[in-house]
Protein backbone atom coordinates (compact mmCIF):
# COMPACT_ATOMS: atom_id res chain seq x y z
CA MET A 1 -9.23 -0.98 -27.47
CA GLY A 2 -9.21 1.94 -25.75
CA LEU A 3 -11.76 2.89 -22.55
CA ALA A 4 -14.78 4.27 -22.92
CA PRO A 5 -14.88 7.51 -21.88
CA GLN A 6 -17.95 6.78 -19.26
CA ASN A 7 -15.15 3.95 -18.54
CA ARG A 8 -12.24 5.95 -17.79
CA ARG A 9 -14.59 8.79 -15.26
CA LEU A 10 -16.03 5.42 -13.35
CA TYR A 11 -12.23 4.31 -13.00
CA SER A 12 -10.66 7.87 -11.98
CA THR A 13 -13.32 7.99 -9.12
CA ALA A 14 -12.64 3.93 -7.81
CA ALA A 15 -9.09 5.16 -7.74
CA VAL A 16 -9.37 8.41 -6.17
CA ALA A 17 -11.64 6.96 -3.56
CA LEU A 18 -9.70 4.59 -2.28
CA LEU A 19 -7.11 6.73 -1.93
CA VAL A 20 -9.16 9.26 -0.07
CA SER A 21 -10.31 6.21 2.25
CA THR A 22 -7.06 5.56 3.47
CA ILE A 23 -5.81 9.11 4.34
CA SER A 24 -8.92 9.37 6.11
CA SER A 25 -8.29 5.93 8.15
CA PRO A 26 -8.05 6.73 11.83
CA ALA A 27 -3.88 5.88 12.16
CA ASP A 28 -3.48 3.05 14.79
CA ALA A 29 -0.23 1.21 15.98
CA HIS A 30 -2.42 -1.42 17.96
CA LEU A 31 -4.12 -4.43 17.64
CA ILE A 32 -7.89 -3.77 16.37
CA ALA A 33 -9.77 -6.28 18.26
CA THR A 34 -13.01 -6.93 16.47
CA GLY A 35 -14.47 -9.89 18.31
CA SER A 36 -15.14 -11.79 14.91
CA GLY A 37 -11.97 -13.88 15.52
CA PRO A 38 -8.03 -14.18 14.23
CA PHE A 39 -8.59 -13.34 10.80
CA PHE A 40 -11.10 -10.38 11.61
CA ASP A 41 -8.78 -9.00 13.55
CA GLY A 42 -5.92 -9.17 10.65
CA LEU A 43 -8.09 -8.13 8.32
CA PHE A 44 -8.79 -4.56 9.87
CA HIS A 45 -5.65 -4.34 11.95
CA SER A 46 -4.20 -3.75 8.27
CA LEU A 47 -6.56 -1.89 7.00
CA VAL A 48 -6.65 1.07 9.43
CA SER A 49 -3.16 1.59 8.99
CA VAL A 50 -2.39 4.60 6.93
CA GLU A 51 0.81 4.21 6.79
CA GLY A 52 0.83 0.70 5.65
CA MET A 53 -2.42 1.28 2.73
CA LEU A 54 -0.59 4.18 1.87
CA ALA A 55 2.43 1.88 0.98
CA VAL A 56 -0.18 -0.38 -0.49
CA ALA A 57 -1.46 2.42 -2.66
CA GLY A 58 1.85 3.79 -3.86
CA VAL A 59 3.28 0.72 -5.02
CA ALA A 60 0.35 -0.15 -6.78
CA VAL A 61 0.06 2.84 -8.69
CA LEU A 62 3.44 2.58 -9.96
CA ALA A 63 3.51 -0.86 -10.75
CA GLY A 64 0.56 -0.45 -13.22
CA LEU A 65 2.27 2.82 -14.64
CA SER A 66 4.71 0.32 -15.42
CA GLY A 67 2.86 -1.98 -17.64
CA LYS A 68 1.54 -5.64 -17.18
CA ALA A 69 4.71 -7.02 -16.57
CA GLY A 70 5.41 -5.16 -13.99
CA ALA A 71 2.29 -5.51 -12.42
CA ARG A 72 1.86 -8.59 -12.75
CA ALA A 73 5.38 -9.28 -10.45
CA ALA A 74 4.28 -6.89 -8.06
CA VAL A 75 0.83 -8.29 -7.82
CA ILE A 76 2.75 -11.70 -6.55
CA VAL A 77 5.53 -10.59 -4.94
CA TYR A 78 4.26 -8.00 -2.67
CA PRO A 79 1.84 -10.22 -0.42
CA LEU A 80 4.38 -12.73 -0.24
CA ALA A 81 6.97 -10.34 1.08
CA TRP A 82 4.07 -8.88 3.26
CA LEU A 83 3.58 -12.36 4.86
CA ALA A 84 7.05 -12.47 4.92
CA GLY A 85 7.46 -9.40 7.11
CA ALA A 86 4.67 -10.11 8.92
CA LEU A 87 5.99 -14.05 10.11
CA TYR A 88 9.14 -12.34 10.77
CA GLY A 89 7.67 -9.72 13.42
CA ILE A 90 6.05 -12.70 14.92
CA ARG A 91 9.15 -14.57 15.49
CA PHE A 92 11.49 -11.78 16.72
CA GLY A 93 9.10 -9.34 17.88
CA ALA A 94 8.12 -6.12 15.67
CA ALA A 95 8.79 -2.60 17.08
CA PRO A 96 6.16 0.42 15.60
CA LEU A 97 6.62 2.48 12.33
CA GLN A 98 9.61 4.41 12.25
CA PRO A 99 8.62 7.76 11.02
CA TRP A 100 11.89 8.02 8.56
CA LEU A 101 10.53 4.83 6.91
CA SER A 102 7.23 6.66 5.99
CA ILE A 103 8.55 9.89 4.98
CA ALA A 104 10.90 7.80 2.70
CA THR A 105 8.56 5.40 0.85
CA PHE A 106 6.13 8.35 0.47
CA LEU A 107 8.37 10.91 -1.00
CA GLY A 108 10.17 8.58 -3.39
CA LEU A 109 6.57 6.74 -4.46
CA GLY A 110 5.00 10.07 -4.66
CA LEU A 111 7.84 11.45 -6.66
CA ALA A 112 8.05 8.74 -9.02
CA ILE A 113 4.36 8.48 -10.02
CA ALA A 114 3.86 12.31 -10.26
CA THR A 115 7.37 12.64 -12.84
CA LYS A 116 6.23 9.17 -15.11
CA ILE A 117 8.55 7.18 -14.04
CA ARG A 118 8.02 3.95 -16.02
CA LEU A 119 10.09 0.90 -14.08
CA ALA A 120 11.12 -2.21 -15.53
CA PRO A 121 9.40 -5.71 -14.31
CA LEU A 122 11.91 -6.43 -12.05
CA ALA A 123 12.94 -3.11 -10.66
CA VAL A 124 9.57 -3.30 -9.74
CA GLY A 125 9.47 -6.57 -8.18
CA ALA A 126 12.37 -5.45 -5.95
CA LEU A 127 10.74 -2.36 -5.02
CA ALA A 128 7.24 -4.10 -3.86
CA LEU A 129 9.50 -6.47 -2.66
CA LEU A 130 11.46 -3.71 0.06
CA VAL A 131 8.31 -2.11 0.78
CA ALA A 132 6.43 -5.12 1.55
CA LEU A 133 9.75 -6.19 3.96
CA ALA A 134 9.68 -3.34 5.77
CA PHE A 135 5.98 -2.68 6.55
CA GLY A 136 4.94 -6.00 6.85
CA PRO A 137 6.53 -6.37 10.33
CA THR A 138 4.56 -3.56 11.55
CA ALA A 139 1.22 -5.87 11.20
CA THR A 140 2.29 -7.67 14.22
CA TYR A 141 3.20 -5.11 16.33
CA ASP A 142 1.99 -5.10 20.04
CA LEU A 143 0.29 -8.85 18.89
CA PRO A 144 -1.90 -10.13 21.88
CA ALA A 145 -2.27 -14.02 22.32
CA LEU A 146 -4.57 -15.28 19.16
CA SER A 147 -6.63 -18.64 18.53
CA SER A 148 -4.92 -19.03 15.72
CA THR A 149 -1.76 -16.94 14.15
CA SER A 150 -2.42 -18.37 10.79
CA LEU A 151 -5.73 -16.91 10.25
CA PHE A 152 -4.37 -13.75 12.21
CA LEU A 153 -1.73 -13.57 8.91
CA LEU A 154 -4.19 -14.65 6.40
CA GLY A 155 -6.53 -11.31 7.17
CA SER A 156 -3.63 -8.80 6.92
CA VAL A 157 -2.39 -10.53 3.83
CA SER A 158 -6.12 -10.40 2.35
CA ALA A 159 -5.97 -6.51 3.82
CA VAL A 160 -3.24 -5.87 1.57
CA SER A 161 -3.63 -7.72 -1.60
CA VAL A 162 -6.97 -6.96 -2.72
CA PRO A 163 -6.59 -3.04 -2.93
CA PHE A 164 -3.36 -3.79 -4.17
CA ILE A 165 -4.57 -5.60 -6.99
CA VAL A 166 -7.32 -3.37 -7.79
CA ILE A 167 -5.51 -0.28 -7.43
CA SER A 168 -2.71 -1.84 -9.97
CA ALA A 169 -5.51 -2.56 -12.58
CA VAL A 170 -7.12 0.67 -12.49
CA ALA A 171 -3.49 2.46 -12.69
CA LEU A 172 -2.97 -0.26 -15.40
CA ALA A 173 -6.24 0.63 -17.29
CA LEU A 174 -6.17 4.86 -16.88
CA GLY A 175 -1.84 5.09 -17.36
CA ASP A 176 -2.79 6.92 -20.71
CA GLY A 177 -4.01 9.99 -22.08
CA TRP A 178 -5.62 12.69 -19.84
CA THR A 179 -6.42 10.02 -17.68
CA LEU A 180 -2.63 9.74 -16.40
CA ILE A 181 -2.99 13.31 -15.08
CA ALA A 182 -5.29 12.47 -12.11
CA LEU A 183 -3.04 9.75 -11.72
CA ARG A 184 -0.09 12.20 -11.34
CA ALA A 185 -1.77 14.10 -9.14
CA LEU A 186 -2.16 11.10 -6.58
CA GLY A 187 1.28 10.73 -6.62
CA SER A 188 1.89 14.46 -5.62
CA TRP A 189 -0.32 14.01 -3.01
CA LEU A 190 1.71 10.83 -1.59
CA ALA A 191 4.82 13.10 -1.89
CA ALA A 192 2.88 15.62 -0.31
CA THR A 193 1.78 13.82 2.48
CA GLY A 194 5.68 12.87 3.43
CA LEU A 195 6.83 16.37 2.96
CA LEU A 196 3.73 16.55 6.10
CA LEU A 197 5.44 14.08 8.31
CA LEU A 198 8.74 15.16 7.56
CA GLY A 199 7.41 18.67 8.83
CA TRP A 200 5.92 17.04 11.89
CA THR A 201 9.02 14.51 12.73
CA LEU A 202 11.13 17.91 12.35
CA ARG A 203 9.00 19.68 15.02
CA GLY A 204 8.90 16.51 17.31
């Protein structure tokens, strides 16, 4: 059964607001000390990472557009892979996010969404795995001593899990009809972000 027009408009507005909020967040490669404990440090450290949250939004939209099976696979795989990446960063040390990784990720995800590519569930899961493993270690870059590493990791995983679930559900609900145009436009904006990063990187 299709969504009522007013509900479709609501979901469209929510999708745009989520992406805009990630774009407008301040970029910060260092730990944000909230003073509220390691859980909130991990939560806000990941939320204010523009690159990390754009990657979450891109994979989530593509997963939702690929159907229920793909979205379910990605919702499970992405947080677990992010946790594995963060654990790797804590154990072996994390380097700052490389610009070329962000450029390739944003261009690839953006073009896939804009051209309405529909991936098989296994491919969606593999994509979620690769992107989360690539971006997860950056959540622990420049990490100071924490009173609880476990709580920090829980906060970091929560920061990516909740937006991922919401965005993929919205994309799944809006994956047909005129609302698909809005989602493809989001893909174009993501690809454009990758092109902007490419230009800035080439200019040094």
